[in-house]
PDB file of N, CA and C in Angstrom:
ATOM      1  N   MET A   1       8.189-154.413  20.168  1.00  0.00           N
ATOM      2  CA  MET A   1       6.949-154.937  19.527  1.00  0.00           C
ATOM      3  C   MET A   1       6.510-155.388  21.114  1.00  0.00           C
ATOM      4  N   THR A   2       5.044-155.737  21.044  1.00  0.00           N
ATOM      5  CA  THR A   2       4.133-156.414  21.896  1.00  0.00           C
ATOM      6  C   THR A   2       3.641-157.592  20.917  1.00  0.00           C
ATOM      7  N   LEU A   3       3.221-158.245  22.189  1.00  0.00           N
ATOM      8  CA  LEU A   3       2.871-159.467  21.561  1.00  0.00           C
ATOM      9  C   LEU A   3       1.659-159.793  20.536  1.00  0.00           C
ATOM     10  N   ASP A   4       0.405-158.419  20.573  1.00  0.00           N
ATOM     11  CA  ASP A   4      -0.521-158.868  20.551  1.00  0.00           C
ATOM     12  C   ASP A   4      -0.015-158.309  18.792  1.00  0.00           C
ATOM     13  N   ASN A   5       1.021-157.647  18.492  1.00  0.00           N
ATOM     14  CA  ASN A   5       1.331-157.459  16.718  1.00  0.00           C
ATOM     15  C   ASN A   5       1.997-158.670  16.122  1.00  0.00           C
ATOM     16  N   ILE A   6       1.961-159.850  17.063  1.00  0.00           N
ATOM     17  CA  ILE A   6       2.723-161.003  16.084  1.00  0.00           C
ATOM     18  C   ILE A   6       1.688-161.746  15.578  1.00  0.00           C
ATOM     19  N   LYS A   7       2.311-162.378  14.617  1.00  0.00           N
ATOM     20  CA  LYS A   7       0.794-163.096  13.810  1.00  0.00           C
ATOM     21  C   LYS A   7       1.241-164.557  13.699  1.00  0.00           C
ATOM     22  N   PRO A   8       0.024-165.110  13.574  1.00  0.00           N
ATOM     23  CA  PRO A   8       0.035-166.499  13.941  1.00  0.00           C
ATOM     24  C   PRO A   8       1.417-167.383  13.427  1.00  0.00           C
ATOM     25  N   GLY A   9       1.654-168.110  13.650  1.00  0.00           N
ATOM     26  CA  GLY A   9       3.191-169.232  13.047  1.00  0.00           C
ATOM     27  C   GLY A   9       4.078-169.019  13.796  1.00  0.00           C
ATOM     28  N   CYS A  10       4.535-167.070  14.290  1.00  0.00           N
ATOM     29  CA  CYS A  10       5.655-166.700  14.576  1.00  0.00           C
ATOM     30  C   CYS A  10       5.917-167.719  16.012  1.00  0.00           C
ATOM     31  N   GLU A  11       7.239-167.056  16.440  1.00  0.00           N
ATOM     32  CA  GLU A  11       8.066-167.272  17.951  1.00  0.00           C
ATOM     33  C   GLU A  11       8.055-166.078  17.528  1.00  0.00           C
ATOM     34  N   CYS A  12       8.538-166.180  19.709  1.00  0.00           N
ATOM     35  CA  CYS A  12       8.708-165.030  19.749  1.00  0.00           C
ATOM     36  C   CYS A  12       9.193-164.864  21.767  1.00  0.00           C
ATOM     37  N   VAL A  13       9.824-164.406  21.822  1.00  0.00           N
ATOM     38  CA  VAL A  13      10.403-164.071  22.670  1.00  0.00           C
ATOM     39  C   VAL A  13      10.355-163.481  24.110  1.00  0.00           C
ATOM     40  N   VAL A  14       9.599-163.080  25.508  1.00  0.00           N
ATOM     41  CA  VAL A  14       8.855-162.482  26.307  1.00  0.00           C
ATOM     42  C   VAL A  14      10.849-161.340  27.105  1.00  0.00           C
ATOM     43  N   LYS A  15      10.052-159.999  27.150  1.00  0.00           N
ATOM     44  CA  LYS A  15      11.431-158.982  26.867  1.00  0.00           C
ATOM     45  C   LYS A  15      10.561-159.269  28.113  1.00  0.00           C
ATOM     46  N   LYS A  16       9.744-158.361  28.582  1.00  0.00           N
ATOM     47  CA  LYS A  16       8.678-157.351  29.471  1.00  0.00           C
ATOM     48  C   LYS A  16       7.785-157.724  29.811  1.00  0.00           C
ATOM     49  N   VAL A  17       6.778-157.822  30.514  1.00  0.00           N
ATOM     50  CA  VAL A  17       5.675-157.381  30.965  1.00  0.00           C
ATOM     51  C   VAL A  17       5.560-156.068  31.899  1.00  0.00           C
ATOM     52  N   ASN A  18       4.817-155.329  31.415  1.00  0.00           N
ATOM     53  CA  ASN A  18       4.498-153.771  31.443  1.00  0.00           C
ATOM     54  C   ASN A  18       3.724-153.485  31.602  1.00  0.00           C
ATOM     55  N   ALA A  19       3.166-154.893  32.356  1.00  0.00           N
ATOM     56  CA  ALA A  19       1.481-154.328  33.169  1.00  0.00           C
ATOM     57  C   ALA A  19       1.482-153.913  34.866  1.00  0.00           C
ATOM     58  N   GLN A  20       0.196-153.225  35.323  1.00  0.00           N
ATOM     59  CA  GLN A  20       0.638-152.934  36.494  1.00  0.00           C
ATOM     60  C   GLN A  20       0.118-153.225  37.483  1.00  0.00           C
ATOM     61  N   GLY A  21       0.050-153.728  38.624  1.00  0.00           N
ATOM     62  CA  GLY A  21      -1.152-154.154  39.515  1.00  0.00           C
ATOM     63  C   GLY A  21      -1.775-155.528  39.350  1.00  0.00           C
ATOM     64  N   LYS A  22      -3.170-155.640  39.693  1.00  0.00           N
ATOM     65  CA  LYS A  22      -3.972-157.133  39.715  1.00  0.00           C
ATOM     66  C   LYS A  22      -3.726-157.624  37.591  1.00  0.00           C
ATOM     67  N   LEU A  23      -3.383-157.212  37.039  1.00  0.00           N
ATOM     68  CA  LEU A  23      -3.055-157.457  35.469  1.00  0.00           C
ATOM     69  C   LEU A  23      -1.477-158.093  35.648  1.00  0.00           C
ATOM     70  N   ASP A  24      -0.766-157.424  36.066  1.00  0.00           N
ATOM     71  CA  ASP A  24       0.659-158.011  36.073  1.00  0.00           C
ATOM     72  C   ASP A  24       0.920-159.294  36.663  1.00  0.00           C
ATOM     73  N   GLN A  25       0.132-159.499  37.515  1.00  0.00           N
ATOM     74  CA  GLN A  25       0.212-160.467  38.455  1.00  0.00           C
ATOM     75  C   GLN A  25      -0.846-162.112  37.713  1.00  0.00           C
ATOM     76  N   ARG A  26      -2.149-160.986  37.284  1.00  0.00           N
ATOM     77  CA  ARG A  26      -2.762-162.547  36.100  1.00  0.00           C
ATOM     78  C   ARG A  26      -1.844-162.452  35.139  1.00  0.00           C
ATOM     79  N   LEU A  27      -1.273-161.874  34.867  1.00  0.00           N
ATOM     80  CA  LEU A  27      -0.123-162.518  32.976  1.00  0.00           C
ATOM     81  C   LEU A  27       0.953-164.249  33.743  1.00  0.00           C
ATOM     82  N   MET A  28       1.404-162.620  35.025  1.00  0.00           N
ATOM     83  CA  MET A  28       2.774-164.321  35.707  1.00  0.00           C
ATOM     84  C   MET A  28       2.120-165.111  36.113  1.00  0.00           C
ATOM     85  N   ASP A  29       0.994-164.852  36.414  1.00  0.00           N
ATOM     86  CA  ASP A  29      -0.084-166.563  36.608  1.00  0.00           C
ATOM     87  C   ASP A  29      -0.513-166.772  36.023  1.00  0.00           C
ATOM     88  N   MET A  30      -0.068-166.674  34.531  1.00  0.00           N
ATOM     89  CA  MET A  30      -0.757-167.819  33.556  1.00  0.00           C
ATOM     90  C   MET A  30       0.820-167.846  33.301  1.00  0.00           C
ATOM     91  N   GLY A  31       1.272-167.609  33.257  1.00  0.00           N
ATOM     92  CA  GLY A  31       2.228-168.089  32.764  1.00  0.00           C
ATOM     93  C   GLY A  31       4.061-166.930  32.156  1.00  0.00           C
ATOM     94  N   LEU A  32       3.778-166.557  31.930  1.00  0.00           N
ATOM     95  CA  LEU A  32       4.384-165.714  30.896  1.00  0.00           C
ATOM     96  C   LEU A  32       5.324-164.275  31.527  1.00  0.00           C
ATOM     97  N   TYR A  33       6.717-164.428  31.593  1.00  0.00           N
ATOM     98  CA  TYR A  33       7.369-164.084  32.586  1.00  0.00           C
ATOM     99  C   TYR A  33       8.438-163.495  31.411  1.00  0.00           C
ATOM    100  N   PRO A  34       9.884-162.976  31.694  1.00  0.00           N
ATOM    101  CA  PRO A  34      10.571-162.422  31.068  1.00  0.00           C
ATOM    102  C   PRO A  34      11.765-163.913  30.452  1.00  0.00           C
ATOM    103  N   GLY A  35      12.371-163.889  29.450  1.00  0.00           N
ATOM    104  CA  GLY A  35      12.673-165.282  28.732  1.00  0.00           C
ATOM    105  C   GLY A  35      12.291-166.000  28.000  1.00  0.00           C
ATOM    106  N   LEU A  36      10.485-166.545  28.785  1.00  0.00           N
ATOM    107  CA  LEU A  36       9.655-167.606  27.122  1.00  0.00           C
ATOM    108  C   LEU A  36       9.701-167.403  26.445  1.00  0.00           C
ATOM    109  N   MET A  37      10.052-168.113  25.721  1.00  0.00           N
ATOM    110  CA  MET A  37       9.594-168.551  24.201  1.00  0.00           C
ATOM    111  C   MET A  37       7.968-168.682  24.410  1.00  0.00           C
ATOM    112  N   ILE A  38       7.336-168.246  23.350  1.00  0.00           N
ATOM    113  CA  ILE A  38       5.902-168.456  22.667  1.00  0.00           C
ATOM    114  C   ILE A  38       6.035-168.926  21.191  1.00  0.00           C
ATOM    115  N   LYS A  39       4.430-169.523  21.316  1.00  0.00           N
ATOM    116  CA  LYS A  39       4.479-169.634  19.609  1.00  0.00           C
ATOM    117  C   LYS A  39       2.655-169.128  19.584  1.00  0.00           C
ATOM    118  N   VAL A  40       3.199-168.151  18.652  1.00  0.00           N
ATOM    119  CA  VAL A  40       0.713-167.777  17.840  1.00  0.00           C
ATOM    120  C   VAL A  40       0.810-168.795  16.899  1.00  0.00           C
ATOM    121  N   ILE A  41      -0.686-169.654  17.904  1.00  0.00           N
ATOM    122  CA  ILE A  41      -1.130-170.596  16.987  1.00  0.00           C
ATOM    123  C   ILE A  41      -2.417-169.906  16.251  1.00  0.00           C
ATOM    124  N   ARG A  42      -3.104-169.264  16.720  1.00  0.00           N
ATOM    125  CA  ARG A  42      -4.189-168.411  15.892  1.00  0.00           C
ATOM    126  C   ARG A  42      -4.677-167.353  16.551  1.00  0.00           C
ATOM    127  N   ASN A  43      -5.508-166.182  15.375  1.00  0.00           N
ATOM    128  CA  ASN A  43      -6.562-165.694  16.013  1.00  0.00           C
ATOM    129  C   ASN A  43      -7.808-166.415  15.632  1.00  0.00           C
ATOM    130  N   ALA A  44      -8.524-165.177  16.998  1.00  0.00           N
ATOM    131  CA  ALA A  44      -9.993-165.752  16.523  1.00  0.00           C
ATOM    132  C   ALA A  44     -10.677-165.004  15.600  1.00  0.00           C
ATOM    133  N   PRO A  45     -11.522-165.687  14.672  1.00  0.00           N
ATOM    134  CA  PRO A  45     -11.688-164.786  13.413  1.00  0.00           C
ATOM    135  C   PRO A  45     -12.506-163.152  14.263  1.00  0.00           C
ATOM    136  N   LEU A  46     -12.570-162.870  14.788  1.00  0.00           N
ATOM    137  CA  LEU A  46     -13.458-161.138  14.931  1.00  0.00           C
ATOM    138  C   LEU A  46     -11.588-160.918  16.034  1.00  0.00           C
ATOM    139  N   LYS A  47     -10.344-161.772  16.243  1.00  0.00           N
ATOM    140  CA  LYS A  47      -9.583-160.775  16.760  1.00  0.00           C
ATOM    141  C   LYS A  47      -9.551-161.418  17.834  1.00  0.00           C
ATOM    142  N   ASP A  48     -10.107-161.270  18.328  1.00  0.00           N
ATOM    143  CA  ASP A  48     -10.326-161.650  20.475  1.00  0.00           C
ATOM    144  C   ASP A  48     -10.668-163.013  21.007  1.00  0.00           C
ATOM    145  N   PRO A  49     -10.083-163.458  20.964  1.00  0.00           N
ATOM    146  CA  PRO A  49      -8.671-164.002  21.707  1.00  0.00           C
ATOM    147  C   PRO A  49      -7.239-164.425  20.728  1.00  0.00           C
ATOM    148  N   MET A  50      -6.294-164.465  20.912  1.00  0.00           N
ATOM    149  CA  MET A  50      -5.592-164.857  20.116  1.00  0.00           C
ATOM    150  C   MET A  50      -5.101-166.210  20.849  1.00  0.00           C
ATOM    151  N   GLU A  51      -4.289-167.292  20.345  1.00  0.00           N
ATOM    152  CA  GLU A  51      -4.080-168.646  20.909  1.00  0.00           C
ATOM    153  C   GLU A  51      -2.391-169.005  20.469  1.00  0.00           C
ATOM    154  N   LEU A  52      -2.185-168.707  22.298  1.00  0.00           N
ATOM    155  CA  LEU A  52      -0.315-168.956  22.576  1.00  0.00           C
ATOM    156  C   LEU A  52       0.238-170.197  22.881  1.00  0.00           C
ATOM    157  N   GLU A  53       0.708-170.788  22.383  1.00  0.00           N
ATOM    158  CA  GLU A  53       1.658-171.696  23.197  1.00  0.00           C
ATOM    159  C   GLU A  53       2.943-171.809  23.560  1.00  0.00           C
ATOM    160  N   LEU A  54       2.938-171.749  25.674  1.00  0.00           N
ATOM    161  CA  LEU A  54       4.203-171.154  25.700  1.00  0.00           C
ATOM    162  C   LEU A  54       4.144-172.888  26.825  1.00  0.00           C
ATOM    163  N   ASP A  55       5.492-173.550  26.720  1.00  0.00           N
ATOM    164  CA  ASP A  55       5.856-173.965  28.086  1.00  0.00           C
ATOM    165  C   ASP A  55       5.192-175.661  28.117  1.00  0.00           C
ATOM    166  N   GLY A  56       4.897-175.702  27.118  1.00  0.00           N
ATOM    167  CA  GLY A  56       4.300-177.575  26.824  1.00  0.00           C
ATOM    168  C   GLY A  56       2.592-176.950  27.156  1.00  0.00           C
ATOM    169  N   PHE A  57       1.498-175.789  26.891  1.00  0.00           N
ATOM    170  CA  PHE A  57       0.704-176.036  27.096  1.00  0.00           C
ATOM    171  C   PHE A  57      -0.101-174.202  25.851  1.00  0.00           C
ATOM    172  N   TYR A  58      -1.533-174.259  26.260  1.00  0.00           N
ATOM    173  CA  TYR A  58      -1.836-173.162  25.097  1.00  0.00           C
ATOM    174  C   TYR A  58      -2.759-172.327  26.061  1.00  0.00           C
ATOM    175  N   LEU A  59      -2.580-171.777  25.932  1.00  0.00           N
ATOM    176  CA  LEU A  59      -3.428-169.920  26.660  1.00  0.00           C
ATOM    177  C   LEU A  59      -3.809-169.198  25.744  1.00  0.00           C
ATOM    178  N   SER A  60      -5.063-168.691  25.992  1.00  0.00           N
ATOM    179  CA  SER A  60      -5.918-167.744  24.926  1.00  0.00           C
ATOM    180  C   SER A  60      -6.033-166.774  25.635  1.00  0.00           C
ATOM    181  N   LEU A  61      -5.315-165.498  25.707  1.00  0.00           N
ATOM    182  CA  LEU A  61      -5.443-164.455  25.697  1.00  0.00           C
ATOM    183  C   LEU A  61      -6.066-163.346  24.974  1.00  0.00           C
ATOM    184  N   ARG A  62      -6.435-162.203  25.099  1.00  0.00           N
ATOM    185  CA  ARG A  62      -6.874-160.962  24.656  1.00  0.00           C
ATOM    186  C   ARG A  62      -5.998-159.810  24.077  1.00  0.00           C
ATOM    187  N   HIS A  63      -6.466-159.846  23.141  1.00  0.00           N
ATOM    188  CA  HIS A  63      -5.569-158.516  22.222  1.00  0.00           C
ATOM    189  C   HIS A  63      -4.679-157.503  22.750  1.00  0.00           C
ATOM    190  N   GLU A  64      -6.052-156.524  24.155  1.00  0.00           N
ATOM    191  CA  GLU A  64      -6.090-155.958  25.119  1.00  0.00           C
ATOM    192  C   GLU A  64      -4.692-156.389  25.958  1.00  0.00           C
ATOM    193  N   GLU A  65      -4.654-157.056  26.269  1.00  0.00           N
ATOM    194  CA  GLU A  65      -3.654-158.194  27.296  1.00  0.00           C
ATOM    195  C   GLU A  65      -2.095-157.982  26.755  1.00  0.00           C
ATOM    196  N   ALA A  66      -2.579-158.890  25.949  1.00  0.00           N
ATOM    197  CA  ALA A  66      -1.032-159.156  25.077  1.00  0.00           C
ATOM    198  C   ALA A  66      -1.119-158.061  25.039  1.00  0.00           C
ATOM    199  N   SER A  67      -1.009-156.326  24.645  1.00  0.00           N
ATOM    200  CA  SER A  67      -0.487-155.443  24.583  1.00  0.00           C
ATOM    201  C   SER A  67       0.344-155.086  25.389  1.00  0.00           C
ATOM    202  N   TYR A  68       0.208-155.863  26.530  1.00  0.00           N
ATOM    203  CA  TYR A  68       1.767-155.066  27.891  1.00  0.00           C
ATOM    204  C   TYR A  68       2.699-156.463  28.056  1.00  0.00           C
ATOM    205  N   VAL A  69       2.656-157.100  27.225  1.00  0.00           N
ATOM    206  CA  VAL A  69       4.022-157.683  27.130  1.00  0.00           C
ATOM    207  C   VAL A  69       4.683-157.900  25.758  1.00  0.00           C
ATOM    208  N   GLU A  70       6.160-157.332  25.982  1.00  0.00           N
ATOM    209  CA  GLU A  70       6.722-156.266  25.345  1.00  0.00           C
ATOM    210  C   GLU A  70       7.356-157.933  24.494  1.00  0.00           C
ATOM    211  N   VAL A  71       7.947-158.483  23.441  1.00  0.00           N
ATOM    212  CA  VAL A  71       8.631-159.046  22.785  1.00  0.00           C
ATOM    213  C   VAL A  71       9.851-159.187  22.412  1.00  0.00           C
ATOM    214  N   CYS A  72      10.602-159.773  21.149  1.00  0.00           N
ATOM    215  CA  CYS A  72      11.350-159.783  20.297  1.00  0.00           C
ATOM    216  C   CYS A  72      11.095-160.921  19.905  1.00  0.00           C
ATOM    217  N   ARG A  73      11.288-161.056  17.853  1.00  0.00           N
ATOM    218  CA  ARG A  73      10.918-161.289  17.707  1.00  0.00           C
ATOM    219  C   ARG A  73      12.079-163.496  17.452  1.00  0.00           C
ATOM    220  N   ARG A  74      11.939-164.179  16.824  1.00  0.00           N
ATOM    221  CA  ARG A  74      13.623-165.090  17.158  1.00  0.00           C
ATOM    222  C   ARG A  74      13.646-165.920  15.804  1.00  0.00           C
TER     223      ARG A  74
END
């Protein structure tokens, strides 16, 4: 399951980041790494972006970028 499929209000744990190159580095720089717990706060009215809570801060991420983050439900 990927992060873009998680509904608002649900929590999940990052299993793997499947991006390559600059996108992989960008996601890691934003704090997405294996073992991290994420809570999906909300989706924007037109679906993009989605708001996430992780490690005590909020992050907005496009669904396309979230599709590279493999997660498992908590």
